C-alpha atoms as a PDB file:
ATOM      1  CA  MET A   1     -12.828  -4.979  29.902  1.00  0.00           C
ATOM      2  CA  ASN A   2     -16.550  -4.547  29.766  1.00  0.00           C
ATOM      3  CA  LYS A   3     -19.367  -6.147  30.397  1.00  0.00           C
ATOM      4  CA  GLU A   4     -20.138  -7.653  27.155  1.00  0.00           C
ATOM      5  CA  GLU A   5     -16.505  -9.014  26.573  1.00  0.00           C
ATOM      6  CA  LEU A   6     -16.480 -10.539  30.124  1.00  0.00           C
ATOM      7  CA  GLN A   7     -20.038 -12.367  29.431  1.00  0.00           C
ATOM      8  CA  TRP A   8     -18.562 -13.658  25.897  1.00  0.00           C
ATOM      9  CA  ILE A   9     -15.201 -14.859  27.729  1.00  0.00           C
ATOM     10  CA  ILE A  10     -17.323 -16.567  30.451  1.00  0.00           C
ATOM     11  CA  ASN A  11     -19.603 -18.325  27.823  1.00  0.00           C
ATOM     12  CA  THR A  12     -16.586 -19.356  25.765  1.00  0.00           C
ATOM     13  CA  LEU A  13     -15.049 -21.274  28.535  1.00  0.00           C
ATOM     14  CA  ASN A  14     -18.289 -22.595  29.729  1.00  0.00           C
ATOM     15  CA  ASP A  15     -19.229 -23.673  26.271  1.00  0.00           C
ATOM     16  CA  LYS A  16     -15.400 -25.225  25.944  1.00  0.00           C
ATOM     17  CA  ALA A  17     -16.002 -26.995  29.480  1.00  0.00           C
ATOM     18  CA  THR A  18     -19.381 -28.773  28.075  1.00  0.00           C
ATOM     19  CA  VAL A  19     -17.498 -29.445  24.559  1.00  0.00           C
ATOM     20  CA  ILE A  20     -14.926 -31.563  26.757  1.00  0.00           C
ATOM     21  CA  ARG A  21     -17.153 -33.249  29.196  1.00  0.00           C
ATOM     22  CA  GLY A  22     -19.121 -34.596  25.989  1.00  0.00           C
ATOM     23  CA  TYR A  23     -16.121 -35.701  24.501  1.00  0.00           C
ATOM     24  CA  ALA A  24     -14.797 -37.538  27.610  1.00  0.00           C
ATOM     25  CA  GLN A  25     -18.221 -39.011  28.096  1.00  0.00           C
ATOM     26  CA  MET A  26     -17.953 -40.675  24.631  1.00  0.00           C
ATOM     27  CA  ALA A  27     -14.461 -41.786  24.890  1.00  0.00           C
ATOM     28  CA  LEU A  28     -15.413 -43.685  28.354  1.00  0.00           C
ATOM     29  CA  GLN A  29     -18.234 -45.333  26.660  1.00  0.00           C
ATOM     30  CA  CYS A  30     -16.697 -46.160  23.222  1.00  0.00           C
ATOM     31  CA  ASP A  31     -15.190 -49.694  22.965  1.00  0.00           C
ATOM     32  CA  HIS A  32     -13.347 -48.557  19.427  1.00  0.00           C
ATOM     33  CA  PRO A  33      -9.779 -47.682  20.059  1.00  0.00           C
ATOM     34  CA  GLY A  34      -9.868 -45.450  16.808  1.00  0.00           C
ATOM     35  CA  TRP A  35     -12.946 -43.489  17.958  1.00  0.00           C
ATOM     36  CA  SER A  36     -11.595 -43.017  21.683  1.00  0.00           C
ATOM     37  CA  LYS A  37      -8.358 -41.689  20.060  1.00  0.00           C
ATOM     38  CA  LYS A  38     -10.605 -39.367  17.907  1.00  0.00           C
ATOM     39  CA  TYR A  39     -12.467 -38.309  21.310  1.00  0.00           C
ATOM     40  CA  ILE A  40      -9.129 -37.746  23.215  1.00  0.00           C
ATOM     41  CA  ASN A  41      -7.538 -35.559  20.242  1.00  0.00           C
ATOM     42  CA  SER A  42     -10.897 -33.450  20.256  1.00  0.00           C
ATOM     43  CA  ILE A  43     -10.359 -32.597  23.851  1.00  0.00           C
ATOM     44  CA  ILE A  44      -6.701 -31.765  23.712  1.00  0.00           C
ATOM     45  CA  ARG A  45      -7.910 -29.153  20.946  1.00  0.00           C
ATOM     46  CA  GLN A  46     -10.850 -27.903  23.245  1.00  0.00           C
ATOM     47  CA  ILE A  47      -8.117 -27.347  26.119  1.00  0.00           C
ATOM     48  CA  ASP A  48      -5.628 -25.684  23.501  1.00  0.00           C
ATOM     49  CA  LYS A  49      -8.185 -23.243  22.754  1.00  0.00           C
ATOM     50  CA  ILE A  50      -8.778 -22.745  26.544  1.00  0.00           C
ATOM     51  CA  ALA A  51      -5.081 -22.211  26.919  1.00  0.00           C
ATOM     52  CA  ALA A  52      -5.235 -19.628  24.317  1.00  0.00           C
ATOM     53  CA  LEU A  53      -7.933 -17.802  25.584  1.00  0.00           C
ATOM     54  CA  ASN A  54      -6.295 -17.571  29.050  1.00  0.00           C
ATOM     55  CA  ALA A  55      -3.010 -16.212  27.048  1.00  0.00           C
ATOM     56  CA  LEU A  56      -5.151 -13.615  25.356  1.00  0.00           C
ATOM     57  CA  ILE A  57      -6.817 -12.455  28.336  1.00  0.00           C
ATOM     58  CA  THR A  58      -3.517 -12.206  30.356  1.00  0.00           C
ATOM     59  CA  SER A  59      -1.946 -10.425  27.188  1.00  0.00           C
ATOM     60  CA  LEU A  60      -4.880  -7.634  27.025  1.00  0.00           C
ATOM     61  CA  TYR A  61      -6.389  -7.310  30.496  1.00  0.00           C
ATOM     62  CA  LEU A  62      -3.804  -8.151  32.853  1.00  0.00           C
ATOM     63  CA  GLY A  63      -0.871  -5.668  31.998  1.00  0.00           C
ATOM     64  CA  LYS A  64       1.419  -7.986  30.146  1.00  0.00           C
ATOM     65  CA  ASP A  65       4.255  -6.019  28.435  1.00  0.00           C
ATOM     66  CA  GLU A  66       3.087  -4.828  24.869  1.00  0.00           C
ATOM     67  CA  GLU A  67       6.874  -5.316  23.832  1.00  0.00           C
ATOM     68  CA  ASN A  68       6.448  -8.869  24.011  1.00  0.00           C
ATOM     69  CA  CYS A  69       3.321  -9.041  21.634  1.00  0.00           C
ATOM     70  CA  ASP A  70       5.471  -7.397  18.625  1.00  0.00           C
ATOM     71  CA  GLY A  71       2.642  -4.904  19.121  1.00  0.00           C
ATOM     72  CA  GLY A  72      -0.275  -6.866  18.066  1.00  0.00           C
ATOM     73  CA  CYS A  73      -1.776  -7.688  21.381  1.00  0.00           C
ATOM     74  CA  GLY A  74      -3.826  -4.534  21.791  1.00  0.00           C
ATOM     75  CA  SER A  75      -5.446  -4.827  18.749  1.00  0.00           C
ATOM     76  CA  VAL A  76      -6.303  -8.967  18.665  1.00  0.00           C
ATOM     77  CA  GLY A  77      -9.979  -8.973  19.158  1.00  0.00           C
ATOM     78  CA  LEU A  78     -11.628 -11.849  21.454  1.00  0.00           C
ATOM     79  CA  ASN A  79     -13.136 -13.799  18.497  1.00  0.00           C
ATOM     80  CA  ASN A  80      -9.340 -14.403  16.883  1.00  0.00           C
ATOM     81  CA  THR A  81      -7.895 -16.378  19.680  1.00  0.00           C
ATOM     82  CA  ALA A  82      -7.010 -19.261  17.753  1.00  0.00           C
ATOM     83  CA  SER A  83      -4.848 -17.533  15.488  1.00  0.00           C
ATOM     84  CA  HIS A  84      -3.359 -15.157  18.154  1.00  0.00           C
ATOM     85  CA  SER A  85      -2.131 -17.899  19.903  1.00  0.00           C
ATOM     86  CA  LYS A  86      -0.302 -19.467  17.147  1.00  0.00           C
ATOM     87  CA  TYR A  87       2.137 -16.813  17.358  1.00  0.00           C
ATOM     88  CA  HIS A  88       2.662 -16.249  21.002  1.00  0.00           C
END
């Protein structure tokens, strides 16, 4: 992993954490149940994106067996975390 890739990962995780924090604050302050549900669903989507990024990091950089990735993990770019996670 080069420095640029590591910086991208750190920035992405920080961005996701900031979004989650904002949605959580809005959900706490919202009096309307429909909007609170919308904010909570947004939090869940952001957590799913973090999980996808973690799965990609594991498969690309922590020596996970390439055979378990159907030959695709080595060629998956860091910008394709969401589509990559759907299949793993």
